[in-house]
Each structure stands twice: as structure tokens, then as C-alpha cells.
């Protein structure tokens, strides 16, 4: 389970008006629970913890773009 993004880091070229022709954006997410996706018989032996742990910024997604194109992963 992942919460909405907590932080955003951004760097890029800005033309001074409205265009960001190239750049990188990184979204950071807090993670409440992570469970490996292993095939059987491993999944049958996996137990969920009793207590909740939140890993701050434990997951990130980086998007890059250039030449005013749509950002991609």
C-alpha cells in the first residue's frame, strides 16, 4: 500500500514564460506495506506483520522529458 506523493523534486529548463522544454521530476512516496511477489510456495509462507510501519520516501518514480515532449518514465 502506498500513500499519495509526499515530496516532489524538480529540475529543468524554463523559458521564463510557460514552457519547460526539458527536465526531470522525482515523486517520493511513503510506503505503508510491501509484500514481495514471489511464486508459490514462497507466498504461502509469507506472513504480514502485526504492527504498521511507514517507510518515509521509500519509493520514488523519476520522470524525464526533453524537447517539450510528454514526460516519460
PDB file of N, CA and C in Angstrom:
ATOM      1  N   UNK A   1       0.847  -1.162   0.000  1.00  0.00           N
ATOM      2  CA  UNK A   1       0.000   0.000   0.000  1.00  0.00           C
ATOM      3  C   UNK A   1       0.893   1.225   0.000  1.00  0.00           C
ATOM      4  N   UNK A   2       0.584   2.162  -0.839  1.00  0.00           N
ATOM      5  CA  UNK A   2       1.384   3.373  -0.981  1.00  0.00           C
ATOM      6  C   UNK A   2       0.488   4.578  -0.787  1.00  0.00           C
ATOM      7  N   UNK A   3       0.979   5.566  -0.103  1.00  0.00           N
ATOM      8  CA  UNK A   3       0.256   6.821   0.090  1.00  0.00           C
ATOM      9  C   UNK A   3       0.492   7.738  -1.109  1.00  0.00           C
ATOM     10  N   UNK A   4      -0.298   8.805  -1.237  1.00  0.00           N
ATOM     11  CA  UNK A   4      -0.050   9.786  -2.305  1.00  0.00           C
ATOM     12  C   UNK A   4       1.357  10.380  -2.162  1.00  0.00           C
ATOM     13  N   UNK A   5       1.895  10.975  -3.231  1.00  0.00           N
ATOM     14  CA  UNK A   5       3.254  11.530  -3.154  1.00  0.00           C
ATOM     15  C   UNK A   5       3.400  12.503  -1.982  1.00  0.00           C
ATOM     16  N   UNK A   6       4.523  12.386  -1.294  1.00  0.00           N
ATOM     17  CA  UNK A   6       4.791  13.280  -0.165  1.00  0.00           C
ATOM     18  C   UNK A   6       5.691  14.436  -0.581  1.00  0.00           C
ATOM     19  N   UNK A   7       6.622  14.152  -1.492  1.00  0.00           N
ATOM     20  CA  UNK A   7       7.577  15.175  -1.930  1.00  0.00           C
ATOM     21  C   UNK A   7       7.722  15.109  -3.441  1.00  0.00           C
ATOM     22  N   UNK A   8       8.100  16.227  -4.008  1.00  0.00           N
ATOM     23  CA  UNK A   8       8.409  16.312  -5.428  1.00  0.00           C
ATOM     24  C   UNK A   8       9.693  17.104  -5.575  1.00  0.00           C
ATOM     25  N   UNK A   9      10.654  16.530  -6.275  1.00  0.00           N
ATOM     26  CA  UNK A   9      11.891  17.232  -6.607  1.00  0.00           C
ATOM     27  C   UNK A   9      11.860  17.483  -8.108  1.00  0.00           C
ATOM     28  N   UNK A  10      12.199  18.695  -8.515  1.00  0.00           N
ATOM     29  CA  UNK A  10      12.095  19.063  -9.917  1.00  0.00           C
ATOM     30  C   UNK A  10      13.299  19.887 -10.329  1.00  0.00           C
ATOM     31  N   UNK A  11      13.815  19.600 -11.489  1.00  0.00           N
ATOM     32  CA  UNK A  11      14.845  20.433 -12.103  1.00  0.00           C
ATOM     33  C   UNK A  11      14.580  20.446 -13.600  1.00  0.00           C
ATOM     34  N   UNK A  12      14.786  21.582 -14.228  1.00  0.00           N
ATOM     35  CA  UNK A  12      14.525  21.642 -15.654  1.00  0.00           C
ATOM     36  C   UNK A  12      14.846  22.996 -16.253  1.00  0.00           C
ATOM     37  N   UNK A  13      14.691  23.084 -17.569  1.00  0.00           N
ATOM     38  CA  UNK A  13      14.881  24.330 -18.315  1.00  0.00           C
ATOM     39  C   UNK A  13      13.562  25.081 -18.360  1.00  0.00           C
ATOM     40  N   UNK A  14      13.610  26.374 -18.085  1.00  0.00           N
ATOM     41  CA  UNK A  14      12.402  27.193 -18.064  1.00  0.00           C
ATOM     42  C   UNK A  14      12.644  28.395 -18.960  1.00  0.00           C
ATOM     43  N   UNK A  15      11.709  28.672 -19.874  1.00  0.00           N
ATOM     44  CA  UNK A  15      11.910  29.758 -20.836  1.00  0.00           C
ATOM     45  C   UNK A  15      11.516  31.123 -20.289  1.00  0.00           C
ATOM     46  N   UNK A  16      11.070  31.192 -19.043  1.00  0.00           N
ATOM     47  CA  UNK A  16      10.710  32.470 -18.443  1.00  0.00           C
ATOM     48  C   UNK A  16       9.243  32.819 -18.614  1.00  0.00           C
ATOM     49  N   UNK A  17       8.499  32.071 -19.377  1.00  0.00           N
ATOM     50  CA  UNK A  17       7.074  32.360 -19.587  1.00  0.00           C
ATOM     51  C   UNK A  17       6.222  31.175 -19.124  1.00  0.00           C
ATOM     52  N   UNK A  18       6.218  30.111 -19.900  1.00  0.00           N
ATOM     53  CA  UNK A  18       5.366  28.981 -19.522  1.00  0.00           C
ATOM     54  C   UNK A  18       5.893  27.627 -19.983  1.00  0.00           C
ATOM     55  N   UNK A  19       6.972  27.580 -20.727  1.00  0.00           N
ATOM     56  CA  UNK A  19       7.441  26.320 -21.296  1.00  0.00           C
ATOM     57  C   UNK A  19       8.616  25.758 -20.510  1.00  0.00           C
ATOM     58  N   UNK A  20       8.516  24.502 -20.163  1.00  0.00           N
ATOM     59  CA  UNK A  20       9.626  23.760 -19.559  1.00  0.00           C
ATOM     60  C   UNK A  20      10.004  22.695 -20.573  1.00  0.00           C
ATOM     61  N   UNK A  21      10.954  23.011 -21.425  1.00  0.00           N
ATOM     62  CA  UNK A  21      11.260  22.152 -22.571  1.00  0.00           C
ATOM     63  C   UNK A  21      11.981  20.862 -22.206  1.00  0.00           C
ATOM     64  N   UNK A  22      12.708  20.851 -21.104  1.00  0.00           N
ATOM     65  CA  UNK A  22      13.437  19.650 -20.697  1.00  0.00           C
ATOM     66  C   UNK A  22      13.553  19.651 -19.183  1.00  0.00           C
ATOM     67  N   UNK A  23      13.555  18.450 -18.594  1.00  0.00           N
ATOM     68  CA  UNK A  23      13.694  18.394 -17.150  1.00  0.00           C
ATOM     69  C   UNK A  23      13.547  17.002 -16.591  1.00  0.00           C
ATOM     70  N   UNK A  24      13.606  16.957 -15.272  1.00  0.00           N
ATOM     71  CA  UNK A  24      13.450  15.721 -14.523  1.00  0.00           C
ATOM     72  C   UNK A  24      12.597  16.022 -13.295  1.00  0.00           C
ATOM     73  N   UNK A  25      11.625  15.176 -13.035  1.00  0.00           N
ATOM     74  CA  UNK A  25      10.800  15.282 -11.835  1.00  0.00           C
ATOM     75  C   UNK A  25      10.857  13.939 -11.114  1.00  0.00           C
ATOM     76  N   UNK A  26      11.001  13.994  -9.804  1.00  0.00           N
ATOM     77  CA  UNK A  26      11.034  12.777  -8.995  1.00  0.00           C
ATOM     78  C   UNK A  26       9.948  12.885  -7.927  1.00  0.00           C
ATOM     79  N   UNK A  27       9.022  11.939  -7.925  1.00  0.00           N
ATOM     80  CA  UNK A  27       7.975  11.866  -6.920  1.00  0.00           C
ATOM     81  C   UNK A  27       8.425  10.874  -5.847  1.00  0.00           C
ATOM     82  N   UNK A  28       8.291  11.258  -4.575  1.00  0.00           N
ATOM     83  CA  UNK A  28       8.645  10.393  -3.453  1.00  0.00           C
ATOM     84  C   UNK A  28       7.379   9.976  -2.724  1.00  0.00           C
ATOM     85  N   UNK A  29       7.245   8.678  -2.461  1.00  0.00           N
ATOM     86  CA  UNK A  29       6.070   8.119  -1.811  1.00  0.00           C
ATOM     87  C   UNK A  29       6.451   7.457  -0.501  1.00  0.00           C
ATOM     88  N   UNK A  30       5.580   7.585   0.506  1.00  0.00           N
ATOM     89  CA  UNK A  30       5.720   6.813   1.735  1.00  0.00           C
ATOM     90  C   UNK A  30       5.095   5.444   1.486  1.00  0.00           C
ATOM     91  N   UNK A  31       5.688   4.411   2.027  1.00  0.00           N
ATOM     92  CA  UNK A  31       5.182   3.055   1.847  1.00  0.00           C
ATOM     93  C   UNK A  31       4.691   2.530   3.194  1.00  0.00           C
ATOM     94  N   UNK A  32       3.442   2.067   3.209  1.00  0.00           N
ATOM     95  CA  UNK A  32       2.857   1.514   4.429  1.00  0.00           C
ATOM     96  C   UNK A  32       3.137   0.028   4.567  1.00  0.00           C
ATOM     97  N   UNK A  33       3.132  -0.682   3.447  1.00  0.00           N
ATOM     98  CA  UNK A  33       3.300  -2.123   3.494  1.00  0.00           C
ATOM     99  C   UNK A  33       3.868  -2.580   2.167  1.00  0.00           C
ATOM    100  N   UNK A  34       4.854  -3.430   2.217  1.00  0.00           N
ATOM    101  CA  UNK A  34       5.423  -4.010   1.000  1.00  0.00           C
ATOM    102  C   UNK A  34       5.403  -5.519   1.141  1.00  0.00           C
ATOM    103  N   UNK A  35       4.957  -6.174   0.116  1.00  0.00           N
ATOM    104  CA  UNK A  35       4.909  -7.626   0.122  1.00  0.00           C
ATOM    105  C   UNK A  35       5.547  -8.120  -1.165  1.00  0.00           C
ATOM    106  N   UNK A  36       6.507  -9.018  -1.069  1.00  0.00           N
ATOM    107  CA  UNK A  36       7.163  -9.499  -2.291  1.00  0.00           C
ATOM    108  C   UNK A  36       6.192 -10.298  -3.151  1.00  0.00           C
ATOM    109  N   UNK A  37       6.385 -10.237  -4.420  1.00  0.00           N
ATOM    110  CA  UNK A  37       5.544 -11.013  -5.338  1.00  0.00           C
ATOM    111  C   UNK A  37       6.341 -12.229  -5.796  1.00  0.00           C
ATOM    112  N   UNK A  38       6.383 -13.208  -4.937  1.00  0.00           N
ATOM    113  CA  UNK A  38       7.121 -14.439  -5.193  1.00  0.00           C
ATOM    114  C   UNK A  38       6.154 -15.538  -5.598  1.00  0.00           C
ATOM    115  N   UNK A  39       6.595 -16.458  -6.406  1.00  0.00           N
ATOM    116  CA  UNK A  39       5.723 -17.589  -6.775  1.00  0.00           C
ATOM    117  C   UNK A  39       5.560 -18.555  -5.596  1.00  0.00           C
ATOM    118  N   UNK A  40       4.548 -19.400  -5.684  1.00  0.00           N
ATOM    119  CA  UNK A  40       4.386 -20.453  -4.678  1.00  0.00           C
ATOM    120  C   UNK A  40       5.614 -21.346  -4.704  1.00  0.00           C
ATOM    121  N   UNK A  41       6.092 -21.880  -3.641  1.00  0.00           N
ATOM    122  CA  UNK A  41       5.496 -21.968  -2.305  1.00  0.00           C
ATOM    123  C   UNK A  41       5.878 -20.810  -1.396  1.00  0.00           C
ATOM    124  N   UNK A  42       6.607 -19.827  -1.889  1.00  0.00           N
ATOM    125  CA  UNK A  42       7.085 -18.739  -1.045  1.00  0.00           C
ATOM    126  C   UNK A  42       5.953 -17.872  -0.520  1.00  0.00           C
ATOM    127  N   UNK A  43       4.968 -17.578  -1.357  1.00  0.00           N
ATOM    128  CA  UNK A  43       3.867 -16.716  -0.947  1.00  0.00           C
ATOM    129  C   UNK A  43       3.089 -17.342   0.202  1.00  0.00           C
ATOM    130  N   UNK A  44       2.911 -18.639   0.179  1.00  0.00           N
ATOM    131  CA  UNK A  44       2.169 -19.323   1.244  1.00  0.00           C
ATOM    132  C   UNK A  44       2.884 -19.203   2.585  1.00  0.00           C
ATOM    133  N   UNK A  45       4.176 -18.988   2.576  1.00  0.00           N
ATOM    134  CA  UNK A  45       4.954 -18.878   3.813  1.00  0.00           C
ATOM    135  C   UNK A  45       5.161 -17.441   4.267  1.00  0.00           C
ATOM    136  N   UNK A  46       4.625 -16.485   3.532  1.00  0.00           N
ATOM    137  CA  UNK A  46       4.811 -15.068   3.865  1.00  0.00           C
ATOM    138  C   UNK A  46       3.701 -14.627   4.806  1.00  0.00           C
ATOM    139  N   UNK A  47       4.058 -14.032   5.925  1.00  0.00           N
ATOM    140  CA  UNK A  47       3.048 -13.525   6.853  1.00  0.00           C
ATOM    141  C   UNK A  47       3.185 -12.013   6.972  1.00  0.00           C
ATOM    142  N   UNK A  48       2.065 -11.358   7.140  1.00  0.00           N
ATOM    143  CA  UNK A  48       2.057  -9.906   7.289  1.00  0.00           C
ATOM    144  C   UNK A  48       2.404  -9.537   8.722  1.00  0.00           C
ATOM    145  N   UNK A  49       3.116  -8.439   8.912  1.00  0.00           N
ATOM    146  CA  UNK A  49       3.476  -8.033  10.279  1.00  0.00           C
ATOM    147  C   UNK A  49       2.243  -7.561  11.045  1.00  0.00           C
ATOM    148  N   UNK A  50       2.291  -7.712  12.371  1.00  0.00           N
ATOM    149  CA  UNK A  50       1.188  -7.265  13.216  1.00  0.00           C
ATOM    150  C   UNK A  50       1.152  -5.753  13.361  1.00  0.00           C
ATOM    151  N   UNK A  51       2.317  -5.132  13.372  1.00  0.00           N
ATOM    152  CA  UNK A  51       2.387  -3.685  13.540  1.00  0.00           C
ATOM    153  C   UNK A  51       2.545  -2.999  12.188  1.00  0.00           C
ATOM    154  N   UNK A  52       2.118  -1.757  12.144  1.00  0.00           N
ATOM    155  CA  UNK A  52       2.234  -0.952  10.917  1.00  0.00           C
ATOM    156  C   UNK A  52       3.547  -0.176  10.951  1.00  0.00           C
ATOM    157  N   UNK A  53       4.255  -0.198   9.858  1.00  0.00           N
ATOM    158  CA  UNK A  53       5.491   0.561   9.706  1.00  0.00           C
ATOM    159  C   UNK A  53       5.352   1.414   8.459  1.00  0.00           C
ATOM    160  N   UNK A  54       5.689   2.680   8.551  1.00  0.00           N
ATOM    161  CA  UNK A  54       5.665   3.556   7.390  1.00  0.00           C
ATOM    162  C   UNK A  54       7.096   3.914   7.033  1.00  0.00           C
ATOM    163  N   UNK A  55       7.499   3.550   5.829  1.00  0.00           N
ATOM    164  CA  UNK A  55       8.821   3.900   5.330  1.00  0.00           C
ATOM    165  C   UNK A  55       8.732   5.224   4.596  1.00  0.00           C
ATOM    166  N   UNK A  56       9.279   6.277   5.183  1.00  0.00           N
ATOM    167  CA  UNK A  56       9.227   7.602   4.577  1.00  0.00           C
ATOM    168  C   UNK A  56      10.057   7.670   3.306  1.00  0.00           C
ATOM    169  N   UNK A  57       9.412   8.101   2.212  1.00  0.00           N
ATOM    170  CA  UNK A  57      10.072   8.260   0.910  1.00  0.00           C
ATOM    171  C   UNK A  57      10.787   6.973   0.487  1.00  0.00           C
ATOM    172  N   UNK A  58      10.166   5.829   0.770  1.00  0.00           N
ATOM    173  CA  UNK A  58      10.779   4.535   0.471  1.00  0.00           C
ATOM    174  C   UNK A  58      10.645   4.150  -0.997  1.00  0.00           C
ATOM    175  N   UNK A  59       9.784   4.830  -1.735  1.00  0.00           N
ATOM    176  CA  UNK A  59       9.572   4.531  -3.144  1.00  0.00           C
ATOM    177  C   UNK A  59       9.622   5.842  -3.920  1.00  0.00           C
ATOM    178  N   UNK A  60      10.299   5.827  -5.061  1.00  0.00           N
ATOM    179  CA  UNK A  60      10.343   7.037  -5.887  1.00  0.00           C
ATOM    180  C   UNK A  60      10.148   6.667  -7.353  1.00  0.00           C
ATOM    181  N   UNK A  61       9.605   7.617  -8.083  1.00  0.00           N
ATOM    182  CA  UNK A  61       9.415   7.468  -9.527  1.00  0.00           C
ATOM    183  C   UNK A  61      10.043   8.682 -10.190  1.00  0.00           C
ATOM    184  N   UNK A  62      10.893   8.436 -11.179  1.00  0.00           N
ATOM    185  CA  UNK A  62      11.571   9.515 -11.898  1.00  0.00           C
ATOM    186  C   UNK A  62      10.975   9.638 -13.292  1.00  0.00           C
ATOM    187  N   UNK A  63      10.607  10.868 -13.648  1.00  0.00           N
ATOM    188  CA  UNK A  63      10.097  11.150 -14.995  1.00  0.00           C
ATOM    189  C   UNK A  63      11.033  12.160 -15.655  1.00  0.00           C
ATOM    190  N   UNK A  64      11.402  11.881 -16.902  1.00  0.00           N
ATOM    191  CA  UNK A  64      12.288  12.772 -17.656  1.00  0.00           C
ATOM    192  C   UNK A  64      11.625  13.154 -18.970  1.00  0.00           C
ATOM    193  N   UNK A  65      11.955  14.326 -19.463  1.00  0.00           N
ATOM    194  CA  UNK A  65      11.482  14.740 -20.784  1.00  0.00           C
ATOM    195  C   UNK A  65      12.470  15.694 -21.418  1.00  0.00           C
ATOM    196  N   UNK A  66      12.425  15.767 -22.723  1.00  0.00           N
ATOM    197  CA  UNK A  66      13.292  16.650 -23.493  1.00  0.00           C
ATOM    198  C   UNK A  66      12.533  17.128 -24.731  1.00  0.00           C
ATOM    199  N   UNK A  67      12.947  18.241 -25.264  1.00  0.00           N
ATOM    200  CA  UNK A  67      12.353  18.792 -26.485  1.00  0.00           C
ATOM    201  C   UNK A  67      10.844  18.994 -26.362  1.00  0.00           C
ATOM    202  N   UNK A  68      10.386  19.438 -25.195  1.00  0.00           N
ATOM    203  CA  UNK A  68       8.977  19.736 -24.923  1.00  0.00           C
ATOM    204  C   UNK A  68       8.066  18.535 -25.159  1.00  0.00           C
ATOM    205  N   UNK A  69       8.580  17.328 -24.996  1.00  0.00           N
ATOM    206  CA  UNK A  69       7.771  16.117 -25.148  1.00  0.00           C
ATOM    207  C   UNK A  69       7.070  15.790 -23.831  1.00  0.00           C
ATOM    208  N   UNK A  70       6.105  14.890 -23.882  1.00  0.00           N
ATOM    209  CA  UNK A  70       5.398  14.435 -22.696  1.00  0.00           C
ATOM    210  C   UNK A  70       6.368  13.675 -21.788  1.00  0.00           C
ATOM    211  N   UNK A  71       6.353  13.940 -20.470  1.00  0.00           N
ATOM    212  CA  UNK A  71       7.264  13.204 -19.581  1.00  0.00           C
ATOM    213  C   UNK A  71       7.063  11.719 -19.669  1.00  0.00           C
ATOM    214  N   UNK A  72       8.153  10.972 -19.506  1.00  0.00           N
ATOM    215  CA  UNK A  72       8.108   9.517 -19.530  1.00  0.00           C
ATOM    216  C   UNK A  72       8.903   8.951 -18.378  1.00  0.00           C
ATOM    217  N   UNK A  73       8.714   7.684 -18.105  1.00  0.00           N
ATOM    218  CA  UNK A  73       9.401   7.009 -17.001  1.00  0.00           C
ATOM    219  C   UNK A  73      10.734   6.492 -17.455  1.00  0.00           C
TER     220      UNK A  73
END
